[in-house]
Amino acid sequence: MTTHNKITKTTYDVVLFTLVYARYTPTKRPLTHNASIDTMASLGPAPVRISKIAGRYLIFDSEAAAFLRRNENINGTLAGTAPQQPTQNIFLGLPIELRPEEAEALLHKNVAYLVDDVAAHHHVLQNHNAEARKLYLDSLRTRKQTAQQVIAEKNAKRVAEGALKRGKSRRVPPSNADDDTITSETKPAVHQQESALKSLGVTPTSSGSLIYSEAERTYQATNPTQGPLCGFLLTSGHYTTPGLRFGAKYSVYPGDPLRFHAHFMANQYEWEEDIPVLDIVAGGRLATAVKKAYLIGAQQPLANGSRDDQEMRTFSIEWAAM
C-alpha cells in the first residue's frame, strides 16, 4: 500500500495532519473462553448456520444471532419484517443479514458454516424423505402448542384480573349469587377464547428444520470475498457497521454499538494500491468533523502465501490544524 509522494508539494501545504502508524498483531482468541461459547461449541465444530440466498448472507436463528453479538462482535443488520404488516420497514426483525466479509471471518474461525439454501431446498423437496418430513411437521406442532400455551396463560391472567376488578368495585362483599353471576359472565368469554385457540394457526418463520444435515453438507456454498480489515478489527475486539453515512466503508466501535460511539471511520485498500491525496484529505477532515479518526489498512503479502501469517498494516490519520 503506497501513498503519493507529492503530499507535501500540493496546494495543501498549509494543511497539517498527523499520520500515525499503528501496527497490530492479530490475537487468536479460543472459541471456548466462557460458558456461552461452550454451549454453542457443544453443538458441533461450526454451530452457526449461515444461509446464502440470492447473494445475501442471512441468519434466521435468534440464538445464533445473540451468540454472534455477544462473543464474535458481529451484530448484523435486521432484514425481516412483521408478517402482520409486511409493507412497513420501521420495525424489523429476523433474519439478520451479514456482510460478505463478516461471513468470511466466521468461516475462517470455524464458528459458522455456509449453506446454499436454494439448492438445499430444491434437493429436499424433490427427494422425498419421510423421516425429515415427519420431524418438520412435529416441530410445527410443537411451535403451535407453545403458542397456544402462552396465549392461554395470558387470557387466564386477563380474566382473573377482570374478575378481581369487578369484585373490588362492589361496596358490599359478594355473596354466592354474585359469584355465580361473575362465573356466568366469564364463561362465554372463556369458551370463545378456547375456540380461538383451537383454530390458531402458526406461520413458520423458517424452514431450516426441513433440511437434514446430509443436504447441508452436500450443498455448502463457496466462501465469500475476503475482507481482511474487517476480520482484523473483529479479532481485535472491535465492532463494525456499514460506514456509508460517514463516507467510509466501516464505522468502527470499541464495543457494542448500542453502548458506544464509533471511534474510527475505516477504509480498506490493496497493498500496492495508490491512494489519492484527495481521499486522504477528505477522509481526515470528515472524520475529524464527526469526532472520529480516519483509519486505512491493507494486508501485507508474504512470500509463502500463507494467510494465517499475514499481518495487517493500519494507519490512523488525525486532522490537526489548518
C-alpha atoms as a PDB file:
ATOM      1  CA  MET A   1       0.000   0.000   0.000  1.00  0.00           C
ATOM      2  CA  THR A   2       1.605   3.222  -1.065  1.00  0.00           C
ATOM      3  CA  THR A   3       0.581   6.862  -0.986  1.00  0.00           C
ATOM      4  CA  HIS A   4       1.546   9.579  -3.414  1.00  0.00           C
ATOM      5  CA  ASN A   5       4.885  11.134  -2.665  1.00  0.00           C
ATOM      6  CA  LYS A   6       3.650  14.635  -3.580  1.00  0.00           C
ATOM      7  CA  ILE A   7       1.545  15.152  -0.481  1.00  0.00           C
ATOM      8  CA  THR A   8       3.721  17.999   0.794  1.00  0.00           C
ATOM      9  CA  LYS A   9       4.119  19.560  -2.678  1.00  0.00           C
ATOM     10  CA  THR A  10       0.445  20.210  -3.355  1.00  0.00           C
ATOM     11  CA  THR A  11      -1.703  23.175  -2.614  1.00  0.00           C
ATOM     12  CA  TYR A  12      -2.476  21.583   0.737  1.00  0.00           C
ATOM     13  CA  ASP A  13       0.859  22.704   2.227  1.00  0.00           C
ATOM     14  CA  VAL A  14      -0.994  24.851   4.722  1.00  0.00           C
ATOM     15  CA  VAL A  15      -2.920  21.830   5.927  1.00  0.00           C
ATOM     16  CA  LEU A  16      -1.227  19.979   8.736  1.00  0.00           C
ATOM     17  CA  PHE A  17      -2.237  16.473   9.568  1.00  0.00           C
ATOM     18  CA  THR A  18      -0.527  13.785  11.524  1.00  0.00           C
ATOM     19  CA  LEU A  19      -0.011  10.351  10.094  1.00  0.00           C
ATOM     20  CA  VAL A  20       0.404   7.940  12.935  1.00  0.00           C
ATOM     21  CA  TYR A  21       1.494   4.426  12.148  1.00  0.00           C
ATOM     22  CA  ALA A  22      -0.058   1.709  14.232  1.00  0.00           C
ATOM     23  CA  ARG A  23       0.918  -1.897  13.859  1.00  0.00           C
ATOM     24  CA  TYR A  24      -1.264  -4.538  15.381  1.00  0.00           C
ATOM     25  CA  THR A  25      -0.684  -8.220  15.892  1.00  0.00           C
ATOM     26  CA  PRO A  26      -3.975 -10.105  15.485  1.00  0.00           C
ATOM     27  CA  THR A  27      -4.877 -12.063  18.577  1.00  0.00           C
ATOM     28  CA  LYS A  28      -6.321 -15.543  18.289  1.00  0.00           C
ATOM     29  CA  ARG A  29      -8.983 -15.971  20.935  1.00  0.00           C
ATOM     30  CA  PRO A  30     -10.102 -19.511  21.810  1.00  0.00           C
ATOM     31  CA  LEU A  31     -13.695 -20.345  20.983  1.00  0.00           C
ATOM     32  CA  THR A  32     -14.373 -21.726  24.456  1.00  0.00           C
ATOM     33  CA  HIS A  33     -13.497 -18.775  26.677  1.00  0.00           C
ATOM     34  CA  ASN A  34     -16.811 -18.796  28.560  1.00  0.00           C
ATOM     35  CA  ALA A  35     -19.907 -20.879  29.185  1.00  0.00           C
ATOM     36  CA  SER A  36     -21.895 -19.383  26.305  1.00  0.00           C
ATOM     37  CA  ILE A  37     -19.323 -20.444  23.745  1.00  0.00           C
ATOM     38  CA  ASP A  38     -19.003 -23.848  25.393  1.00  0.00           C
ATOM     39  CA  THR A  39     -22.735 -24.365  24.935  1.00  0.00           C
ATOM     40  CA  MET A  40     -22.637 -23.391  21.270  1.00  0.00           C
ATOM     41  CA  ALA A  41     -19.448 -25.338  20.605  1.00  0.00           C
ATOM     42  CA  SER A  42     -21.027 -28.481  22.020  1.00  0.00           C
ATOM     43  CA  LEU A  43     -23.397 -28.472  19.057  1.00  0.00           C
ATOM     44  CA  GLY A  44     -20.569 -29.135  16.614  1.00  0.00           C
ATOM     45  CA  PRO A  45     -17.412 -27.654  15.104  1.00  0.00           C
ATOM     46  CA  ALA A  46     -19.379 -24.881  13.370  1.00  0.00           C
ATOM     47  CA  PRO A  47     -22.600 -24.210  15.298  1.00  0.00           C
ATOM     48  CA  VAL A  48     -23.840 -21.124  13.412  1.00  0.00           C
ATOM     49  CA  ARG A  49     -25.695 -21.783  10.168  1.00  0.00           C
ATOM     50  CA  ILE A  50     -25.442 -19.021   7.546  1.00  0.00           C
ATOM     51  CA  SER A  51     -27.926 -19.226   4.671  1.00  0.00           C
ATOM     52  CA  LYS A  52     -26.812 -17.876   1.328  1.00  0.00           C
ATOM     53  CA  ILE A  53     -29.889 -16.681  -0.576  1.00  0.00           C
ATOM     54  CA  ALA A  54     -29.642 -14.528  -3.727  1.00  0.00           C
ATOM     55  CA  GLY A  55     -26.112 -13.479  -2.848  1.00  0.00           C
ATOM     56  CA  ARG A  56     -27.081 -12.421   0.687  1.00  0.00           C
ATOM     57  CA  TYR A  57     -25.839 -13.991   3.913  1.00  0.00           C
ATOM     58  CA  LEU A  58     -28.696 -14.455   6.382  1.00  0.00           C
ATOM     59  CA  ILE A  59     -29.120 -15.922   9.859  1.00  0.00           C
ATOM     60  CA  PHE A  60     -32.625 -16.999  10.879  1.00  0.00           C
ATOM     61  CA  ASP A  61     -31.877 -18.412  14.334  1.00  0.00           C
ATOM     62  CA  SER A  62     -32.288 -15.944  17.209  1.00  0.00           C
ATOM     63  CA  GLU A  63     -29.882 -17.874  19.469  1.00  0.00           C
ATOM     64  CA  ALA A  64     -27.190 -17.809  16.776  1.00  0.00           C
ATOM     65  CA  ALA A  65     -27.702 -14.062  16.313  1.00  0.00           C
ATOM     66  CA  ALA A  66     -27.324 -13.489  20.070  1.00  0.00           C
ATOM     67  CA  PHE A  67     -24.215 -15.692  20.144  1.00  0.00           C
ATOM     68  CA  LEU A  68     -22.552 -13.693  17.363  1.00  0.00           C
ATOM     69  CA  ARG A  69     -23.337 -10.393  19.050  1.00  0.00           C
ATOM     70  CA  ARG A  70     -22.045 -11.451  22.459  1.00  0.00           C
ATOM     71  CA  ASN A  71     -18.987 -13.473  21.509  1.00  0.00           C
ATOM     72  CA  GLU A  72     -17.942 -12.625  17.938  1.00  0.00           C
ATOM     73  CA  ASN A  73     -18.521  -8.831  17.854  1.00  0.00           C
ATOM     74  CA  ILE A  74     -20.988  -9.147  14.973  1.00  0.00           C
ATOM     75  CA  ASN A  75     -24.460  -7.634  15.195  1.00  0.00           C
ATOM     76  CA  GLY A  76     -25.538  -7.735  11.553  1.00  0.00           C
ATOM     77  CA  THR A  77     -28.465  -5.812  10.082  1.00  0.00           C
ATOM     78  CA  LEU A  78     -32.095  -6.699  10.734  1.00  0.00           C
ATOM     79  CA  ALA A  79     -33.710  -7.516   7.383  1.00  0.00           C
ATOM     80  CA  GLY A  80     -37.033  -9.179   8.249  1.00  0.00           C
ATOM     81  CA  THR A  81     -40.409  -7.502   8.630  1.00  0.00           C
ATOM     82  CA  ALA A  82     -43.550  -8.278  10.624  1.00  0.00           C
ATOM     83  CA  PRO A  83     -45.893 -10.859   8.989  1.00  0.00           C
ATOM     84  CA  GLN A  84     -48.916  -8.794  10.050  1.00  0.00           C
ATOM     85  CA  GLN A  85     -47.607  -5.632   8.327  1.00  0.00           C
ATOM     86  CA  PRO A  86     -45.169  -6.671   5.604  1.00  0.00           C
ATOM     87  CA  THR A  87     -45.272  -3.305   3.811  1.00  0.00           C
ATOM     88  CA  GLN A  88     -43.663  -1.305   6.635  1.00  0.00           C
ATOM     89  CA  ASN A  89     -39.911  -1.089   7.169  1.00  0.00           C
ATOM     90  CA  ILE A  90     -39.719   0.653  10.554  1.00  0.00           C
ATOM     91  CA  PHE A  91     -39.948  -2.333  12.905  1.00  0.00           C
ATOM     92  CA  LEU A  92     -37.645  -5.023  11.545  1.00  0.00           C
ATOM     93  CA  GLY A  93     -36.638  -8.409  12.921  1.00  0.00           C
ATOM     94  CA  LEU A  94     -35.106 -11.715  11.883  1.00  0.00           C
ATOM     95  CA  PRO A  95     -33.344 -12.693   9.755  1.00  0.00           C
ATOM     96  CA  ILE A  96     -30.206 -10.654  10.244  1.00  0.00           C
ATOM     97  CA  GLU A  97     -28.016 -10.012   7.227  1.00  0.00           C
ATOM     98  CA  LEU A  98     -24.245 -10.287   7.418  1.00  0.00           C
ATOM     99  CA  ARG A  99     -21.789  -8.578   5.125  1.00  0.00           C
ATOM    100  CA  PRO A 100     -19.648 -10.916   2.989  1.00  0.00           C
ATOM    101  CA  GLU A 101     -16.503 -10.048   4.937  1.00  0.00           C
ATOM    102  CA  GLU A 102     -18.239 -10.852   8.240  1.00  0.00           C
ATOM    103  CA  ALA A 103     -19.366 -14.222   6.915  1.00  0.00           C
ATOM    104  CA  GLU A 104     -15.842 -14.886   5.625  1.00  0.00           C
ATOM    105  CA  ALA A 105     -14.344 -14.065   9.038  1.00  0.00           C
ATOM    106  CA  LEU A 106     -16.723 -16.507  10.768  1.00  0.00           C
ATOM    107  CA  LEU A 107     -15.914 -19.262   8.272  1.00  0.00           C
ATOM    108  CA  HIS A 108     -12.191 -18.682   8.728  1.00  0.00           C
ATOM    109  CA  LYS A 109     -12.553 -19.061  12.515  1.00  0.00           C
ATOM    110  CA  ASN A 110     -14.674 -22.203  12.040  1.00  0.00           C
ATOM    111  CA  VAL A 111     -17.510 -20.616  14.008  1.00  0.00           C
ATOM    112  CA  ALA A 112     -20.063 -20.966  11.193  1.00  0.00           C
ATOM    113  CA  TYR A 113     -20.777 -22.902   8.028  1.00  0.00           C
ATOM    114  CA  LEU A 114     -22.337 -21.607   4.827  1.00  0.00           C
ATOM    115  CA  VAL A 115     -25.251 -23.357   3.097  1.00  0.00           C
ATOM    116  CA  ASP A 116     -26.696 -22.677  -0.358  1.00  0.00           C
ATOM    117  CA  ASP A 117     -30.317 -22.593   0.796  1.00  0.00           C
ATOM    118  CA  VAL A 118     -31.893 -22.636  -2.673  1.00  0.00           C
ATOM    119  CA  ALA A 119     -30.060 -25.765  -3.814  1.00  0.00           C
ATOM    120  CA  ALA A 120     -30.615 -27.498  -0.461  1.00  0.00           C
ATOM    121  CA  HIS A 121     -34.363 -26.766  -0.522  1.00  0.00           C
ATOM    122  CA  HIS A 122     -34.695 -27.985  -4.096  1.00  0.00           C
ATOM    123  CA  HIS A 123     -32.916 -31.202  -3.198  1.00  0.00           C
ATOM    124  CA  VAL A 124     -35.093 -31.831  -0.133  1.00  0.00           C
ATOM    125  CA  LEU A 125     -38.382 -31.056  -1.882  1.00  0.00           C
ATOM    126  CA  GLN A 126     -37.583 -33.140  -4.966  1.00  0.00           C
ATOM    127  CA  ASN A 127     -36.253 -36.118  -3.000  1.00  0.00           C
ATOM    128  CA  HIS A 128     -38.940 -37.200  -0.579  1.00  0.00           C
ATOM    129  CA  ASN A 129     -37.653 -38.120   2.862  1.00  0.00           C
ATOM    130  CA  ALA A 130     -40.383 -39.373   5.182  1.00  0.00           C
ATOM    131  CA  GLU A 131     -38.287 -39.016   8.329  1.00  0.00           C
ATOM    132  CA  ALA A 132     -37.294 -35.416   7.603  1.00  0.00           C
ATOM    133  CA  ARG A 133     -40.876 -34.522   6.740  1.00  0.00           C
ATOM    134  CA  LYS A 134     -42.134 -36.065   9.991  1.00  0.00           C
ATOM    135  CA  LEU A 135     -39.558 -34.149  12.042  1.00  0.00           C
ATOM    136  CA  TYR A 136     -40.534 -30.907  10.319  1.00  0.00           C
ATOM    137  CA  LEU A 137     -44.247 -31.442  10.982  1.00  0.00           C
ATOM    138  CA  ASP A 138     -43.502 -32.327  14.601  1.00  0.00           C
ATOM    139  CA  SER A 139     -41.560 -29.080  15.001  1.00  0.00           C
ATOM    140  CA  LEU A 140     -44.547 -27.131  13.629  1.00  0.00           C
ATOM    141  CA  ARG A 141     -46.900 -28.853  16.069  1.00  0.00           C
ATOM    142  CA  THR A 142     -44.541 -28.066  18.934  1.00  0.00           C
ATOM    143  CA  ARG A 143     -44.461 -24.399  17.964  1.00  0.00           C
ATOM    144  CA  LYS A 144     -48.258 -24.306  17.774  1.00  0.00           C
ATOM    145  CA  GLN A 145     -48.635 -25.905  21.196  1.00  0.00           C
ATOM    146  CA  THR A 146     -46.155 -23.452  22.670  1.00  0.00           C
ATOM    147  CA  ALA A 147     -48.022 -20.506  21.170  1.00  0.00           C
ATOM    148  CA  GLN A 148     -51.352 -21.856  22.417  1.00  0.00           C
ATOM    149  CA  GLN A 149     -49.974 -22.273  25.927  1.00  0.00           C
ATOM    150  CA  VAL A 150     -48.602 -18.720  26.029  1.00  0.00           C
ATOM    151  CA  ILE A 151     -51.872 -17.223  24.758  1.00  0.00           C
ATOM    152  CA  ALA A 152     -53.936 -19.340  27.157  1.00  0.00           C
ATOM    153  CA  GLU A 153     -51.860 -18.136  30.112  1.00  0.00           C
ATOM    154  CA  LYS A 154     -52.280 -14.505  29.050  1.00  0.00           C
ATOM    155  CA  ASN A 155     -56.054 -14.937  28.623  1.00  0.00           C
ATOM    156  CA  ALA A 156     -56.406 -16.626  32.009  1.00  0.00           C
ATOM    157  CA  LYS A 157     -54.457 -13.815  33.647  1.00  0.00           C
ATOM    158  CA  ARG A 158     -56.635 -11.217  31.910  1.00  0.00           C
ATOM    159  CA  VAL A 159     -59.863 -12.942  33.039  1.00  0.00           C
ATOM    160  CA  ALA A 160     -58.609 -13.184  36.626  1.00  0.00           C
ATOM    161  CA  GLU A 161     -57.669  -9.502  36.693  1.00  0.00           C
ATOM    162  CA  GLY A 162     -61.084  -8.523  35.301  1.00  0.00           C
ATOM    163  CA  ALA A 163     -62.899 -10.610  37.904  1.00  0.00           C
ATOM    164  CA  LEU A 164     -60.735  -9.078  40.658  1.00  0.00           C
ATOM    165  CA  LYS A 165     -61.541  -5.552  39.488  1.00  0.00           C
ATOM    166  CA  ARG A 166     -65.274  -6.270  39.375  1.00  0.00           C
ATOM    167  CA  GLY A 167     -65.084  -7.739  42.886  1.00  0.00           C
ATOM    168  CA  LYS A 168     -63.304  -4.682  44.261  1.00  0.00           C
ATOM    169  CA  SER A 169     -65.790  -2.273  42.669  1.00  0.00           C
ATOM    170  CA  ARG A 170     -68.629  -3.684  44.776  1.00  0.00           C
ATOM    171  CA  ARG A 171     -69.025  -1.987  48.163  1.00  0.00           C
ATOM    172  CA  VAL A 172     -70.869  -4.969  49.641  1.00  0.00           C
ATOM    173  CA  PRO A 173     -68.902  -8.215  49.923  1.00  0.00           C
ATOM    174  CA  PRO A 174     -70.055 -10.532  47.103  1.00  0.00           C
ATOM    175  CA  SER A 175     -72.379 -13.373  48.027  1.00  0.00           C
ATOM    176  CA  ASN A 176     -72.707 -16.772  46.402  1.00  0.00           C
ATOM    177  CA  ALA A 177     -75.251 -15.367  43.963  1.00  0.00           C
ATOM    178  CA  ASP A 178     -72.753 -12.712  42.906  1.00  0.00           C
ATOM    179  CA  ASP A 179     -70.094 -15.388  42.430  1.00  0.00           C
ATOM    180  CA  ASP A 180     -72.477 -17.277  40.193  1.00  0.00           C
ATOM    181  CA  THR A 181     -73.125 -14.075  38.229  1.00  0.00           C
ATOM    182  CA  ILE A 182     -69.405 -13.445  37.743  1.00  0.00           C
ATOM    183  CA  THR A 183     -68.858 -17.040  36.716  1.00  0.00           C
ATOM    184  CA  SER A 184     -71.722 -16.899  34.247  1.00  0.00           C
ATOM    185  CA  GLU A 185     -70.337 -13.663  32.794  1.00  0.00           C
ATOM    186  CA  THR A 186     -66.860 -15.067  32.287  1.00  0.00           C
ATOM    187  CA  LYS A 187     -67.898 -18.451  30.897  1.00  0.00           C
ATOM    188  CA  PRO A 188     -68.851 -17.183  27.390  1.00  0.00           C
ATOM    189  CA  ALA A 189     -65.577 -15.279  27.127  1.00  0.00           C
ATOM    190  CA  VAL A 190     -63.599 -18.348  28.186  1.00  0.00           C
ATOM    191  CA  HIS A 191     -65.401 -20.577  25.684  1.00  0.00           C
ATOM    192  CA  GLN A 192     -64.799 -18.025  22.941  1.00  0.00           C
ATOM    193  CA  GLN A 193     -61.092 -17.857  23.766  1.00  0.00           C
ATOM    194  CA  GLU A 194     -60.798 -21.649  23.822  1.00  0.00           C
ATOM    195  CA  SER A 195     -62.381 -21.911  20.376  1.00  0.00           C
ATOM    196  CA  ALA A 196     -59.994 -19.254  19.096  1.00  0.00           C
ATOM    197  CA  LEU A 197     -57.040 -21.206  20.491  1.00  0.00           C
ATOM    198  CA  LYS A 198     -58.150 -24.393  18.755  1.00  0.00           C
ATOM    199  CA  SER A 199     -58.278 -22.613  15.396  1.00  0.00           C
ATOM    200  CA  LEU A 200     -54.952 -20.861  15.976  1.00  0.00           C
ATOM    201  CA  GLY A 201     -52.558 -21.145  13.053  1.00  0.00           C
ATOM    202  CA  VAL A 202     -48.812 -20.572  13.362  1.00  0.00           C
ATOM    203  CA  THR A 203     -46.928 -19.290  10.331  1.00  0.00           C
ATOM    204  CA  PRO A 204     -43.460 -20.874  10.294  1.00  0.00           C
ATOM    205  CA  THR A 205     -40.729 -18.265  10.044  1.00  0.00           C
ATOM    206  CA  SER A 206     -38.056 -20.679   8.840  1.00  0.00           C
ATOM    207  CA  SER A 207     -37.889 -23.984   7.016  1.00  0.00           C
ATOM    208  CA  GLY A 208     -34.389 -24.775   8.226  1.00  0.00           C
ATOM    209  CA  SER A 209     -35.558 -27.811  10.171  1.00  0.00           C
ATOM    210  CA  LEU A 210     -36.834 -29.318   6.907  1.00  0.00           C
ATOM    211  CA  ILE A 211     -33.263 -29.599   5.587  1.00  0.00           C
ATOM    212  CA  TYR A 212     -31.387 -32.516   7.089  1.00  0.00           C
ATOM    213  CA  SER A 213     -27.682 -32.424   7.833  1.00  0.00           C
ATOM    214  CA  GLU A 214     -26.656 -34.517   4.820  1.00  0.00           C
ATOM    215  CA  ALA A 215     -28.184 -31.986   2.415  1.00  0.00           C
ATOM    216  CA  GLU A 216     -26.465 -29.141   4.241  1.00  0.00           C
ATOM    217  CA  ARG A 217     -23.085 -30.835   3.888  1.00  0.00           C
ATOM    218  CA  THR A 218     -23.722 -31.535   0.205  1.00  0.00           C
ATOM    219  CA  TYR A 219     -24.782 -28.002  -0.698  1.00  0.00           C
ATOM    220  CA  GLN A 220     -22.320 -25.903   1.271  1.00  0.00           C
ATOM    221  CA  ALA A 221     -21.677 -22.668  -0.596  1.00  0.00           C
ATOM    222  CA  THR A 222     -18.314 -21.255  -1.551  1.00  0.00           C
ATOM    223  CA  ASN A 223     -16.583 -18.778   0.692  1.00  0.00           C
ATOM    224  CA  PRO A 224     -17.427 -15.089   0.081  1.00  0.00           C
ATOM    225  CA  THR A 225     -14.983 -12.372  -0.867  1.00  0.00           C
ATOM    226  CA  GLN A 226     -12.263 -11.864   1.683  1.00  0.00           C
ATOM    227  CA  GLY A 227     -12.269  -8.712   3.823  1.00  0.00           C
ATOM    228  CA  PRO A 228      -9.030  -8.815   5.828  1.00  0.00           C
ATOM    229  CA  LEU A 229      -9.537  -5.428   7.502  1.00  0.00           C
ATOM    230  CA  CYS A 230     -12.978  -6.384   8.817  1.00  0.00           C
ATOM    231  CA  GLY A 231     -11.687  -9.708  10.125  1.00  0.00           C
ATOM    232  CA  PHE A 232      -8.723  -7.998  11.740  1.00  0.00           C
ATOM    233  CA  LEU A 233     -10.935  -5.455  13.510  1.00  0.00           C
ATOM    234  CA  LEU A 234     -13.303  -8.169  14.735  1.00  0.00           C
ATOM    235  CA  THR A 235     -10.384 -10.214  16.076  1.00  0.00           C
ATOM    236  CA  SER A 236      -9.038  -7.128  17.841  1.00  0.00           C
ATOM    237  CA  GLY A 237     -12.295  -6.789  19.797  1.00  0.00           C
ATOM    238  CA  HIS A 238     -13.967  -4.050  17.736  1.00  0.00           C
ATOM    239  CA  TYR A 239     -17.455  -3.942  16.247  1.00  0.00           C
ATOM    240  CA  THR A 240     -18.006  -2.752  12.690  1.00  0.00           C
ATOM    241  CA  THR A 241     -21.089  -1.411  10.945  1.00  0.00           C
ATOM    242  CA  PRO A 242     -21.556  -0.006   7.419  1.00  0.00           C
ATOM    243  CA  GLY A 243     -19.951   3.432   7.331  1.00  0.00           C
ATOM    244  CA  LEU A 244     -21.665   4.901   4.289  1.00  0.00           C
ATOM    245  CA  ARG A 245     -23.287   7.753   6.204  1.00  0.00           C
ATOM    246  CA  PHE A 246     -19.817   8.865   7.342  1.00  0.00           C
ATOM    247  CA  GLY A 247     -18.232   8.476   3.902  1.00  0.00           C
ATOM    248  CA  ALA A 248     -16.252   5.314   4.692  1.00  0.00           C
ATOM    249  CA  LYS A 249     -16.608   1.560   4.326  1.00  0.00           C
ATOM    250  CA  TYR A 250     -16.758   0.776   8.045  1.00  0.00           C
ATOM    251  CA  SER A 251     -17.683   2.541  11.245  1.00  0.00           C
ATOM    252  CA  VAL A 252     -15.506   1.012  13.970  1.00  0.00           C
ATOM    253  CA  TYR A 253     -16.764   0.806  17.566  1.00  0.00           C
ATOM    254  CA  PRO A 254     -14.768  -0.169  20.673  1.00  0.00           C
ATOM    255  CA  GLY A 255     -17.757  -2.171  21.955  1.00  0.00           C
ATOM    256  CA  ASP A 256     -21.398  -2.848  21.232  1.00  0.00           C
ATOM    257  CA  PRO A 257     -22.804  -0.039  19.003  1.00  0.00           C
ATOM    258  CA  LEU A 258     -25.772   0.254  21.376  1.00  0.00           C
ATOM    259  CA  ARG A 259     -23.406   1.352  24.145  1.00  0.00           C
ATOM    260  CA  PHE A 260     -20.536   3.195  22.405  1.00  0.00           C
ATOM    261  CA  HIS A 261     -19.949   5.786  19.730  1.00  0.00           C
ATOM    262  CA  ALA A 262     -17.703   4.954  16.789  1.00  0.00           C
ATOM    263  CA  HIS A 263     -14.014   5.822  17.204  1.00  0.00           C
ATOM    264  CA  PHE A 264     -12.858   5.287  13.613  1.00  0.00           C
ATOM    265  CA  MET A 265     -14.008   5.569  10.029  1.00  0.00           C
ATOM    266  CA  ALA A 266     -12.138   2.829   8.170  1.00  0.00           C
ATOM    267  CA  ASN A 267     -11.369   2.078   4.532  1.00  0.00           C
ATOM    268  CA  GLN A 268      -9.586  -0.966   3.132  1.00  0.00           C
ATOM    269  CA  TYR A 269      -7.025  -0.835   0.322  1.00  0.00           C
ATOM    270  CA  GLU A 270      -4.801  -3.260  -1.519  1.00  0.00           C
ATOM    271  CA  TRP A 271      -1.148  -3.363  -0.532  1.00  0.00           C
ATOM    272  CA  GLU A 272       0.170  -1.879  -3.784  1.00  0.00           C
ATOM    273  CA  GLU A 273      -2.825   0.385  -4.411  1.00  0.00           C
ATOM    274  CA  ASP A 274      -2.217   4.102  -4.838  1.00  0.00           C
ATOM    275  CA  ILE A 275      -4.306   6.229  -2.501  1.00  0.00           C
ATOM    276  CA  PRO A 276      -5.269   9.622  -3.953  1.00  0.00           C
ATOM    277  CA  VAL A 277      -4.353  12.630  -1.850  1.00  0.00           C
ATOM    278  CA  LEU A 278      -7.905  13.962  -2.064  1.00  0.00           C
ATOM    279  CA  ASP A 279      -9.215  10.765  -0.483  1.00  0.00           C
ATOM    280  CA  ILE A 280      -6.846  11.169   2.463  1.00  0.00           C
ATOM    281  CA  VAL A 281      -7.704  14.851   2.877  1.00  0.00           C
ATOM    282  CA  ALA A 282     -11.447  14.301   2.559  1.00  0.00           C
ATOM    283  CA  GLY A 283     -11.426  11.292   4.876  1.00  0.00           C
ATOM    284  CA  GLY A 284      -9.314  13.036   7.504  1.00  0.00           C
ATOM    285  CA  ARG A 285     -11.381  16.212   7.527  1.00  0.00           C
ATOM    286  CA  LEU A 286     -14.734  14.406   7.558  1.00  0.00           C
ATOM    287  CA  ALA A 287     -13.678  12.020  10.323  1.00  0.00           C
ATOM    288  CA  THR A 288     -12.403  14.878  12.472  1.00  0.00           C
ATOM    289  CA  ALA A 289     -15.623  16.838  11.884  1.00  0.00           C
ATOM    290  CA  VAL A 290     -17.686  13.977  13.362  1.00  0.00           C
ATOM    291  CA  LYS A 291     -15.209  13.442  16.253  1.00  0.00           C
ATOM    292  CA  LYS A 292     -13.594  10.311  14.849  1.00  0.00           C
ATOM    293  CA  ALA A 293     -10.266   9.277  13.355  1.00  0.00           C
ATOM    294  CA  TYR A 294      -9.741   8.140   9.781  1.00  0.00           C
ATOM    295  CA  LEU A 295      -8.297   4.612   9.557  1.00  0.00           C
ATOM    296  CA  ILE A 296      -6.854   2.981   6.453  1.00  0.00           C
ATOM    297  CA  GLY A 297      -5.413  -0.508   6.280  1.00  0.00           C
ATOM    298  CA  ALA A 298      -4.159  -3.243   3.990  1.00  0.00           C
ATOM    299  CA  GLN A 299      -2.870  -6.776   4.309  1.00  0.00           C
ATOM    300  CA  GLN A 300       0.847  -7.254   3.801  1.00  0.00           C
ATOM    301  CA  PRO A 301       1.554 -10.123   1.384  1.00  0.00           C
ATOM    302  CA  LEU A 302       4.061 -12.813   2.276  1.00  0.00           C
ATOM    303  CA  ALA A 303       6.293 -14.923   0.089  1.00  0.00           C
ATOM    304  CA  ASN A 304       4.829 -18.272   1.178  1.00  0.00           C
ATOM    305  CA  GLY A 305       1.253 -17.099   0.581  1.00  0.00           C
ATOM    306  CA  SER A 306       0.010 -18.375   3.943  1.00  0.00           C
ATOM    307  CA  ARG A 307      -2.936 -16.329   5.054  1.00  0.00           C
ATOM    308  CA  ASP A 308      -2.597 -17.150   8.732  1.00  0.00           C
ATOM    309  CA  ASP A 309       0.797 -15.460   8.899  1.00  0.00           C
ATOM    310  CA  GLN A 310      -0.201 -12.308   7.022  1.00  0.00           C
ATOM    311  CA  GLU A 311      -0.265  -9.093   9.024  1.00  0.00           C
ATOM    312  CA  MET A 312      -2.489  -6.064   8.754  1.00  0.00           C
ATOM    313  CA  ARG A 313      -0.833  -2.660   8.466  1.00  0.00           C
ATOM    314  CA  THR A 314      -3.053   0.207   9.559  1.00  0.00           C
ATOM    315  CA  PHE A 315      -2.644   3.992   9.571  1.00  0.00           C
ATOM    316  CA  SER A 316      -4.675   6.408  11.659  1.00  0.00           C
ATOM    317  CA  ILE A 317      -4.998   9.882  10.148  1.00  0.00           C
ATOM    318  CA  GLU A 318      -5.813  12.704  12.526  1.00  0.00           C
ATOM    319  CA  TRP A 319      -6.595  16.196  11.238  1.00  0.00           C
ATOM    320  CA  ALA A 320      -4.555  18.561  13.395  1.00  0.00           C
ATOM    321  CA  ALA A 321      -4.812  22.169  12.067  1.00  0.00           C
ATOM    322  CA  MET A 322      -5.181  24.374   9.025  1.00  0.00           C
END
